[in-house]
PDB file of N, CA and C in Angstrom:
ATOM      1  N   MET A   1       7.930 -16.025   0.414  1.00  0.00           N
ATOM      2  CA  MET A   1       7.450 -14.643   0.273  1.00  0.00           C
ATOM      3  C   MET A   1       8.769 -13.747  -0.084  1.00  0.00           C
ATOM      4  N   ASN A   2       8.721 -13.015  -0.906  1.00  0.00           N
ATOM      5  CA  ASN A   2       9.910 -12.287  -1.337  1.00  0.00           C
ATOM      6  C   ASN A   2       9.950 -10.766  -0.500  1.00  0.00           C
ATOM      7  N   GLU A   3      11.023 -10.194  -0.714  1.00  0.00           N
ATOM      8  CA  GLU A   3      11.400  -9.049   0.221  1.00  0.00           C
ATOM      9  C   GLU A   3      10.451  -7.974   0.046  1.00  0.00           C
ATOM     10  N   GLU A   4       9.976  -7.600  -1.083  1.00  0.00           N
ATOM     11  CA  GLU A   4       8.836  -6.464  -1.181  1.00  0.00           C
ATOM     12  C   GLU A   4       7.560  -6.930  -0.515  1.00  0.00           C
ATOM     13  N   LYS A   5       7.184  -8.163  -0.708  1.00  0.00           N
ATOM     14  CA  LYS A   5       5.920  -8.616   0.026  1.00  0.00           C
ATOM     15  C   LYS A   5       6.116  -8.567   1.474  1.00  0.00           C
ATOM     16  N   LYS A   6       7.367  -8.997   2.015  1.00  0.00           N
ATOM     17  CA  LYS A   6       7.634  -8.844   3.368  1.00  0.00           C
ATOM     18  C   LYS A   6       7.605  -7.367   4.026  1.00  0.00           C
ATOM     19  N   LYS A   7       8.077  -6.495   3.198  1.00  0.00           N
ATOM     20  CA  LYS A   7       8.057  -5.057   3.518  1.00  0.00           C
ATOM     21  C   LYS A   7       6.652  -4.572   3.595  1.00  0.00           C
ATOM     22  N   ALA A   8       5.912  -4.961   2.607  1.00  0.00           N
ATOM     23  CA  ALA A   8       4.406  -4.614   2.575  1.00  0.00           C
ATOM     24  C   ALA A   8       3.671  -5.212   3.784  1.00  0.00           C
ATOM     25  N   LEU A   9       3.944  -6.474   3.987  1.00  0.00           N
ATOM     26  CA  LEU A   9       3.306  -7.027   5.185  1.00  0.00           C
ATOM     27  C   LEU A   9       3.586  -6.339   6.467  1.00  0.00           C
ATOM     28  N   ASN A  10       4.862  -6.012   6.725  1.00  0.00           N
ATOM     29  CA  ASN A  10       5.383  -5.223   7.952  1.00  0.00           C
ATOM     30  C   ASN A  10       4.538  -3.898   8.020  1.00  0.00           C
ATOM     31  N   LEU A  11       4.574  -3.203   6.861  1.00  0.00           N
ATOM     32  CA  LEU A  11       3.831  -1.915   6.841  1.00  0.00           C
ATOM     33  C   LEU A  11       2.363  -1.987   7.192  1.00  0.00           C
ATOM     34  N   LEU A  12       1.686  -3.069   6.690  1.00  0.00           N
ATOM     35  CA  LEU A  12       0.360  -3.224   7.033  1.00  0.00           C
ATOM     36  C   LEU A  12       0.181  -3.697   8.396  1.00  0.00           C
ATOM     37  N   LYS A  13       1.059  -4.420   8.932  1.00  0.00           N
ATOM     38  CA  LYS A  13       0.946  -4.782  10.407  1.00  0.00           C
ATOM     39  C   LYS A  13       1.108  -3.448  11.323  1.00  0.00           C
ATOM     40  N   THR A  14       2.024  -2.563  10.824  1.00  0.00           N
ATOM     41  CA  THR A  14       2.233  -1.323  11.472  1.00  0.00           C
ATOM     42  C   THR A  14       0.926  -0.504  11.441  1.00  0.00           C
ATOM     43  N   SER A  15       0.319  -0.364  10.202  1.00  0.00           N
ATOM     44  CA  SER A  15      -0.765   0.322   9.999  1.00  0.00           C
ATOM     45  C   SER A  15      -1.948  -0.170  10.979  1.00  0.00           C
ATOM     46  N   ARG A  16      -2.006  -1.458  11.025  1.00  0.00           N
ATOM     47  CA  ARG A  16      -3.060  -2.118  11.839  1.00  0.00           C
ATOM     48  C   ARG A  16      -2.900  -1.523  13.353  1.00  0.00           C
ATOM     49  N   GLY A  17      -1.751  -1.655  13.784  1.00  0.00           N
ATOM     50  CA  GLY A  17      -1.563  -1.173  15.196  1.00  0.00           C
ATOM     51  C   GLY A  17      -1.939   0.379  15.334  1.00  0.00           C
ATOM     52  N   GLN A  18      -1.588   1.176  14.277  1.00  0.00           N
ATOM     53  CA  GLN A  18      -1.865   2.605  14.357  1.00  0.00           C
ATOM     54  C   GLN A  18      -3.352   2.749  14.327  1.00  0.00           C
ATOM     55  N   ILE A  19      -4.203   1.917  13.616  1.00  0.00           N
ATOM     56  CA  ILE A  19      -5.529   2.107  13.331  1.00  0.00           C
ATOM     57  C   ILE A  19      -6.185   1.827  14.758  1.00  0.00           C
ATOM     58  N   GLU A  20      -5.745   0.816  15.444  1.00  0.00           N
ATOM     59  CA  GLU A  20      -6.163   0.384  16.685  1.00  0.00           C
ATOM     60  C   GLU A  20      -5.905   1.544  17.787  1.00  0.00           C
ATOM     61  N   GLY A  21      -4.813   2.203  17.689  1.00  0.00           N
ATOM     62  CA  GLY A  21      -4.461   3.369  18.466  1.00  0.00           C
ATOM     63  C   GLY A  21      -5.467   4.562  18.149  1.00  0.00           C
ATOM     64  N   ILE A  22      -5.689   4.725  16.761  1.00  0.00           N
ATOM     65  CA  ILE A  22      -6.659   5.953  16.478  1.00  0.00           C
ATOM     66  C   ILE A  22      -7.987   5.692  16.972  1.00  0.00           C
ATOM     67  N   ILE A  23      -8.512   4.367  16.894  1.00  0.00           N
ATOM     68  CA  ILE A  23      -9.846   4.061  17.477  1.00  0.00           C
ATOM     69  C   ILE A  23      -9.813   4.274  18.987  1.00  0.00           C
ATOM     70  N   LYS A  24      -8.680   4.026  19.736  1.00  0.00           N
ATOM     71  CA  LYS A  24      -8.788   4.366  21.236  1.00  0.00           C
ATOM     72  C   LYS A  24      -8.615   5.827  21.419  1.00  0.00           C
ATOM     73  N   MET A  25      -8.086   6.567  20.480  1.00  0.00           N
ATOM     74  CA  MET A  25      -7.901   7.999  20.589  1.00  0.00           C
ATOM     75  C   MET A  25      -9.437   8.699  20.437  1.00  0.00           C
ATOM     76  N   LEU A  26     -10.185   8.079  19.542  1.00  0.00           N
ATOM     77  CA  LEU A  26     -11.479   8.523  19.169  1.00  0.00           C
ATOM     78  C   LEU A  26     -12.347   8.098  20.470  1.00  0.00           C
ATOM     79  N   GLU A  27     -12.025   6.954  20.921  1.00  0.00           N
ATOM     80  CA  GLU A  27     -12.980   6.554  22.271  1.00  0.00           C
ATOM     81  C   GLU A  27     -12.504   7.472  23.305  1.00  0.00           C
ATOM     82  N   ASN A  28     -11.377   7.932  23.478  1.00  0.00           N
ATOM     83  CA  ASN A  28     -11.014   8.700  24.643  1.00  0.00           C
ATOM     84  C   ASN A  28     -11.170  10.228  24.355  1.00  0.00           C
ATOM     85  N   ASP A  29     -11.855  10.460  23.266  1.00  0.00           N
ATOM     86  CA  ASP A  29     -12.235  11.941  22.734  1.00  0.00           C
ATOM     87  C   ASP A  29     -10.980  12.741  22.757  1.00  0.00           C
ATOM     88  N   ARG A  30     -10.037  12.316  22.055  1.00  0.00           N
ATOM     89  CA  ARG A  30      -8.667  12.942  21.938  1.00  0.00           C
ATOM     90  C   ARG A  30      -8.939  14.098  21.049  1.00  0.00           C
ATOM     91  N   TYR A  31      -7.946  15.180  20.961  1.00  0.00           N
ATOM     92  CA  TYR A  31      -7.896  16.190  20.212  1.00  0.00           C
ATOM     93  C   TYR A  31      -8.052  15.861  18.768  1.00  0.00           C
ATOM     94  N   CYS A  32      -9.041  16.362  17.870  1.00  0.00           N
ATOM     95  CA  CYS A  32      -9.222  16.047  16.526  1.00  0.00           C
ATOM     96  C   CYS A  32      -8.091  16.159  15.584  1.00  0.00           C
ATOM     97  N   VAL A  33      -7.338  17.236  15.865  1.00  0.00           N
ATOM     98  CA  VAL A  33      -6.037  17.294  14.903  1.00  0.00           C
ATOM     99  C   VAL A  33      -5.130  16.300  15.136  1.00  0.00           C
ATOM    100  N   ASP A  34      -4.859  15.764  16.405  1.00  0.00           N
ATOM    101  CA  ASP A  34      -3.931  14.791  16.679  1.00  0.00           C
ATOM    102  C   ASP A  34      -4.473  13.528  16.007  1.00  0.00           C
ATOM    103  N   ILE A  35      -5.728  13.295  16.063  1.00  0.00           N
ATOM    104  CA  ILE A  35      -6.284  12.045  15.441  1.00  0.00           C
ATOM    105  C   ILE A  35      -6.194  12.202  14.049  1.00  0.00           C
ATOM    106  N   SER A  36      -6.457  13.310  13.334  1.00  0.00           N
ATOM    107  CA  SER A  36      -6.228  13.520  11.884  1.00  0.00           C
ATOM    108  C   SER A  36      -4.864  13.160  11.472  1.00  0.00           C
ATOM    109  N   LYS A  37      -3.871  13.588  12.242  1.00  0.00           N
ATOM    110  CA  LYS A  37      -2.385  13.358  11.889  1.00  0.00           C
ATOM    111  C   LYS A  37      -2.152  11.924  11.987  1.00  0.00           C
ATOM    112  N   GLN A  38      -2.641  11.170  12.873  1.00  0.00           N
ATOM    113  CA  GLN A  38      -2.458   9.753  13.034  1.00  0.00           C
ATOM    114  C   GLN A  38      -3.011   9.062  11.834  1.00  0.00           C
ATOM    115  N   ILE A  39      -4.232   9.404  11.343  1.00  0.00           N
ATOM    116  CA  ILE A  39      -4.840   9.089  10.155  1.00  0.00           C
ATOM    117  C   ILE A  39      -4.051   9.139   8.885  1.00  0.00           C
ATOM    118  N   LEU A  40      -3.483  10.299   8.816  1.00  0.00           N
ATOM    119  CA  LEU A  40      -2.604  10.615   7.703  1.00  0.00           C
ATOM    120  C   LEU A  40      -1.323   9.828   7.690  1.00  0.00           C
ATOM    121  N   ALA A  41      -0.837   9.556   8.726  1.00  0.00           N
ATOM    122  CA  ALA A  41       0.412   8.605   8.920  1.00  0.00           C
ATOM    123  C   ALA A  41      -0.084   7.184   8.473  1.00  0.00           C
ATOM    124  N   VAL A  42      -1.182   6.617   8.870  1.00  0.00           N
ATOM    125  CA  VAL A  42      -1.660   5.382   8.308  1.00  0.00           C
ATOM    126  C   VAL A  42      -1.748   5.337   6.688  1.00  0.00           C
ATOM    127  N   VAL A  43      -2.455   6.493   6.287  1.00  0.00           N
ATOM    128  CA  VAL A  43      -2.473   6.439   4.863  1.00  0.00           C
ATOM    129  C   VAL A  43      -1.112   6.434   4.176  1.00  0.00           C
ATOM    130  N   GLY A  44      -0.320   7.183   4.670  1.00  0.00           N
ATOM    131  CA  GLY A  44       1.016   7.145   4.203  1.00  0.00           C
ATOM    132  C   GLY A  44       1.680   5.718   4.099  1.00  0.00           C
ATOM    133  N   LEU A  45       1.507   4.976   5.182  1.00  0.00           N
ATOM    134  CA  LEU A  45       1.919   3.539   5.344  1.00  0.00           C
ATOM    135  C   LEU A  45       1.184   2.688   4.322  1.00  0.00           C
ATOM    136  N   LEU A  46      -0.075   2.893   4.080  1.00  0.00           N
ATOM    137  CA  LEU A  46      -0.796   2.052   3.190  1.00  0.00           C
ATOM    138  C   LEU A  46      -0.354   2.347   1.681  1.00  0.00           C
ATOM    139  N   LYS A  47      -0.012   3.629   1.508  1.00  0.00           N
ATOM    140  CA  LYS A  47       0.523   3.815   0.105  1.00  0.00           C
ATOM    141  C   LYS A  47       1.829   3.212  -0.127  1.00  0.00           C
ATOM    142  N   LYS A  48       2.657   3.309   0.849  1.00  0.00           N
ATOM    143  CA  LYS A  48       4.033   2.743   0.928  1.00  0.00           C
ATOM    144  C   LYS A  48       3.905   1.208   0.593  1.00  0.00           C
ATOM    145  N   ALA A  49       2.988   0.666   1.325  1.00  0.00           N
ATOM    146  CA  ALA A  49       2.809  -0.819   1.133  1.00  0.00           C
ATOM    147  C   ALA A  49       2.326  -1.190  -0.142  1.00  0.00           C
ATOM    148  N   ASN A  50       1.307  -0.410  -0.725  1.00  0.00           N
ATOM    149  CA  ASN A  50       0.880  -0.548  -2.079  1.00  0.00           C
ATOM    150  C   ASN A  50       1.859  -0.314  -3.167  1.00  0.00           C
ATOM    151  N   LEU A  51       2.891   0.471  -2.932  1.00  0.00           N
ATOM    152  CA  LEU A  51       3.971   0.638  -3.825  1.00  0.00           C
ATOM    153  C   LEU A  51       4.890  -0.596  -3.869  1.00  0.00           C
ATOM    154  N   ASN A  52       5.067  -1.068  -2.621  1.00  0.00           N
ATOM    155  CA  ASN A  52       6.126  -2.218  -2.523  1.00  0.00           C
ATOM    156  C   ASN A  52       5.435  -3.479  -3.256  1.00  0.00           C
ATOM    157  N   ILE A  53       4.045  -3.610  -3.165  1.00  0.00           N
ATOM    158  CA  ILE A  53       3.393  -4.631  -3.941  1.00  0.00           C
ATOM    159  C   ILE A  53       3.456  -4.452  -5.414  1.00  0.00           C
ATOM    160  N   LEU A  54       3.241  -3.174  -5.877  1.00  0.00           N
ATOM    161  CA  LEU A  54       3.358  -2.933  -7.260  1.00  0.00           C
ATOM    162  C   LEU A  54       4.655  -3.062  -7.878  1.00  0.00           C
ATOM    163  N   ASP A  55       5.694  -2.693  -7.033  1.00  0.00           N
ATOM    164  CA  ASP A  55       7.207  -2.823  -7.442  1.00  0.00           C
ATOM    165  C   ASP A  55       7.360  -4.335  -7.590  1.00  0.00           C
ATOM    166  N   GLN A  56       7.093  -5.279  -6.605  1.00  0.00           N
ATOM    167  CA  GLN A  56       7.164  -6.575  -6.767  1.00  0.00           C
ATOM    168  C   GLN A  56       6.564  -7.197  -8.051  1.00  0.00           C
ATOM    169  N   HIS A  57       5.312  -6.772  -8.195  1.00  0.00           N
ATOM    170  CA  HIS A  57       4.337  -7.194  -9.327  1.00  0.00           C
ATOM    171  C   HIS A  57       5.296  -6.858 -10.712  1.00  0.00           C
ATOM    172  N   MET A  58       5.676  -5.665 -10.838  1.00  0.00           N
ATOM    173  CA  MET A  58       6.466  -5.290 -12.006  1.00  0.00           C
ATOM    174  C   MET A  58       7.504  -6.155 -12.200  1.00  0.00           C
ATOM    175  N   LYS A  59       8.445  -6.237 -11.250  1.00  0.00           N
ATOM    176  CA  LYS A  59       9.671  -6.978 -11.217  1.00  0.00           C
ATOM    177  C   LYS A  59       9.470  -8.462 -11.400  1.00  0.00           C
ATOM    178  N   SER A  60       8.335  -9.209 -11.192  1.00  0.00           N
ATOM    179  CA  SER A  60       8.128 -10.337 -11.446  1.00  0.00           C
ATOM    180  C   SER A  60       7.039 -10.616 -12.507  1.00  0.00           C
ATOM    181  N   CYS A  61       5.845 -10.492 -12.003  1.00  0.00           N
ATOM    182  CA  CYS A  61       4.651 -10.885 -12.976  1.00  0.00           C
ATOM    183  C   CYS A  61       4.890 -10.124 -14.483  1.00  0.00           C
ATOM    184  N   VAL A  62       5.136  -8.771 -14.451  1.00  0.00           N
ATOM    185  CA  VAL A  62       5.141  -8.044 -15.645  1.00  0.00           C
ATOM    186  C   VAL A  62       6.351  -8.532 -16.388  1.00  0.00           C
ATOM    187  N   LYS A  63       7.482  -8.535 -15.686  1.00  0.00           N
ATOM    188  CA  LYS A  63       8.546  -8.831 -16.452  1.00  0.00           C
ATOM    189  C   LYS A  63       8.600 -10.411 -17.237  1.00  0.00           C
ATOM    190  N   ASP A  64       8.091 -11.301 -16.296  1.00  0.00           N
ATOM    191  CA  ASP A  64       7.746 -12.572 -16.985  1.00  0.00           C
ATOM    192  C   ASP A  64       6.793 -12.627 -18.207  1.00  0.00           C
ATOM    193  N   ALA A  65       5.709 -11.834 -18.074  1.00  0.00           N
ATOM    194  CA  ALA A  65       4.805 -11.649 -19.159  1.00  0.00           C
ATOM    195  C   ALA A  65       5.403 -11.021 -20.385  1.00  0.00           C
ATOM    196  N   MET A  66       6.259  -9.993 -20.145  1.00  0.00           N
ATOM    197  CA  MET A  66       6.854  -9.317 -21.174  1.00  0.00           C
ATOM    198  C   MET A  66       7.803 -10.371 -21.829  1.00  0.00           C
ATOM    199  N   LEU A  67       8.578 -11.094 -21.093  1.00  0.00           N
ATOM    200  CA  LEU A  67       9.413 -12.070 -21.801  1.00  0.00           C
ATOM    201  C   LEU A  67       8.687 -13.130 -22.598  1.00  0.00           C
ATOM    202  N   ASP A  68       7.469 -13.376 -22.198  1.00  0.00           N
ATOM    203  CA  ASP A  68       6.564 -14.372 -22.843  1.00  0.00           C
ATOM    204  C   ASP A  68       5.799 -13.758 -24.010  1.00  0.00           C
ATOM    205  N   GLY A  69       6.036 -12.618 -24.176  1.00  0.00           N
ATOM    206  CA  GLY A  69       5.409 -11.874 -25.306  1.00  0.00           C
ATOM    207  C   GLY A  69       3.845 -11.518 -24.808  1.00  0.00           C
ATOM    208  N   ASN A  70       3.444 -11.525 -23.746  1.00  0.00           N
ATOM    209  CA  ASN A  70       2.236 -11.261 -23.088  1.00  0.00           C
ATOM    210  C   ASN A  70       2.097 -10.098 -22.149  1.00  0.00           C
ATOM    211  N   GLY A  71       2.898  -9.076 -22.364  1.00  0.00           N
ATOM    212  CA  GLY A  71       3.090  -8.035 -21.461  1.00  0.00           C
ATOM    213  C   GLY A  71       2.076  -6.977 -21.497  1.00  0.00           C
ATOM    214  N   GLU A  72       1.597  -6.794 -22.682  1.00  0.00           N
ATOM    215  CA  GLU A  72       0.430  -5.514 -22.793  1.00  0.00           C
ATOM    216  C   GLU A  72      -0.637  -5.789 -21.840  1.00  0.00           C
ATOM    217  N   GLU A  73      -1.177  -6.853 -21.426  1.00  0.00           N
ATOM    218  CA  GLU A  73      -2.216  -6.898 -20.550  1.00  0.00           C
ATOM    219  C   GLU A  73      -1.697  -6.602 -19.121  1.00  0.00           C
ATOM    220  N   LYS A  74      -0.576  -7.209 -18.767  1.00  0.00           N
ATOM    221  CA  LYS A  74      -0.002  -6.732 -17.467  1.00  0.00           C
ATOM    222  C   LYS A  74       0.178  -5.195 -17.258  1.00  0.00           C
ATOM    223  N   ILE A  75       0.675  -4.712 -18.362  1.00  0.00           N
ATOM    224  CA  ILE A  75       1.080  -3.287 -18.447  1.00  0.00           C
ATOM    225  C   ILE A  75      -0.333  -2.339 -18.188  1.00  0.00           C
ATOM    226  N   ASN A  76      -1.411  -2.873 -18.942  1.00  0.00           N
ATOM    227  CA  ASN A  76      -2.560  -2.185 -18.767  1.00  0.00           C
ATOM    228  C   ASN A  76      -3.172  -2.276 -17.304  1.00  0.00           C
ATOM    229  N   GLU A  77      -2.949  -3.444 -16.575  1.00  0.00           N
ATOM    230  CA  GLU A  77      -3.364  -3.567 -15.260  1.00  0.00           C
ATOM    231  C   GLU A  77      -2.688  -2.553 -14.455  1.00  0.00           C
ATOM    232  N   ILE A  78      -1.326  -2.421 -14.541  1.00  0.00           N
ATOM    233  CA  ILE A  78      -0.634  -1.598 -13.705  1.00  0.00           C
ATOM    234  C   ILE A  78      -1.136   0.026 -14.026  1.00  0.00           C
ATOM    235  N   ILE A  79      -1.252   0.231 -15.290  1.00  0.00           N
ATOM    236  CA  ILE A  79      -1.874   1.565 -15.721  1.00  0.00           C
ATOM    237  C   ILE A  79      -3.074   1.918 -14.912  1.00  0.00           C
ATOM    238  N   ASN A  80      -4.056   0.869 -14.897  1.00  0.00           N
ATOM    239  CA  ASN A  80      -5.409   1.080 -14.145  1.00  0.00           C
ATOM    240  C   ASN A  80      -5.164   1.304 -12.698  1.00  0.00           C
ATOM    241  N   VAL A  81      -4.372   0.661 -12.046  1.00  0.00           N
ATOM    242  CA  VAL A  81      -4.059   0.642 -10.710  1.00  0.00           C
ATOM    243  C   VAL A  81      -3.522   2.022 -10.507  1.00  0.00           C
ATOM    244  N   LEU A  82      -2.507   2.440 -11.162  1.00  0.00           N
ATOM    245  CA  LEU A  82      -1.890   3.784 -11.046  1.00  0.00           C
ATOM    246  C   LEU A  82      -2.789   4.910 -11.295  1.00  0.00           C
ATOM    247  N   ASP A  83      -3.902   4.708 -12.184  1.00  0.00           N
ATOM    248  CA  ASP A  83      -4.756   5.624 -12.453  1.00  0.00           C
ATOM    249  C   ASP A  83      -5.567   5.868 -11.051  1.00  0.00           C
ATOM    250  N   LYS A  84      -5.952   4.753 -10.505  1.00  0.00           N
ATOM    251  CA  LYS A  84      -6.686   4.969  -9.208  1.00  0.00           C
ATOM    252  C   LYS A  84      -5.943   5.503  -8.086  1.00  0.00           C
ATOM    253  N   TYR A  85      -4.567   5.191  -8.189  1.00  0.00           N
ATOM    254  CA  TYR A  85      -3.635   5.553  -7.036  1.00  0.00           C
ATOM    255  C   TYR A  85      -3.480   7.226  -7.013  1.00  0.00           C
ATOM    256  N   VAL A  86      -3.469   7.698  -8.086  1.00  0.00           N
ATOM    257  CA  VAL A  86      -3.283   9.187  -8.267  1.00  0.00           C
ATOM    258  C   VAL A  86      -4.491  10.084  -8.147  1.00  0.00           C
ATOM    259  N   LYS A  87      -5.586   9.390  -8.040  1.00  0.00           N
ATOM    260  CA  LYS A  87      -6.893  10.105  -7.885  1.00  0.00           C
ATOM    261  C   LYS A  87      -7.271  10.420  -6.508  1.00  0.00           C
TER     262      LYS A  87
END
């Protein structure tokens, strides 16, 4: 596993822990704004993990496809993912 995937994995594990904490907050009827802030923190971690995965993909898969002359399909995949990311 390369560094970017390791970073993404750590971010996802941190997200999992935070989600478990949010569930407990809901179960304990904690203040809604505090819960919302924690949800936004998890969303931020998930976005960062996704960017790490996409970064790794572009530096390896897309780069290799470009060198092999098959880069257009990989570039279109990235554009489709980024289109969903910004929505």
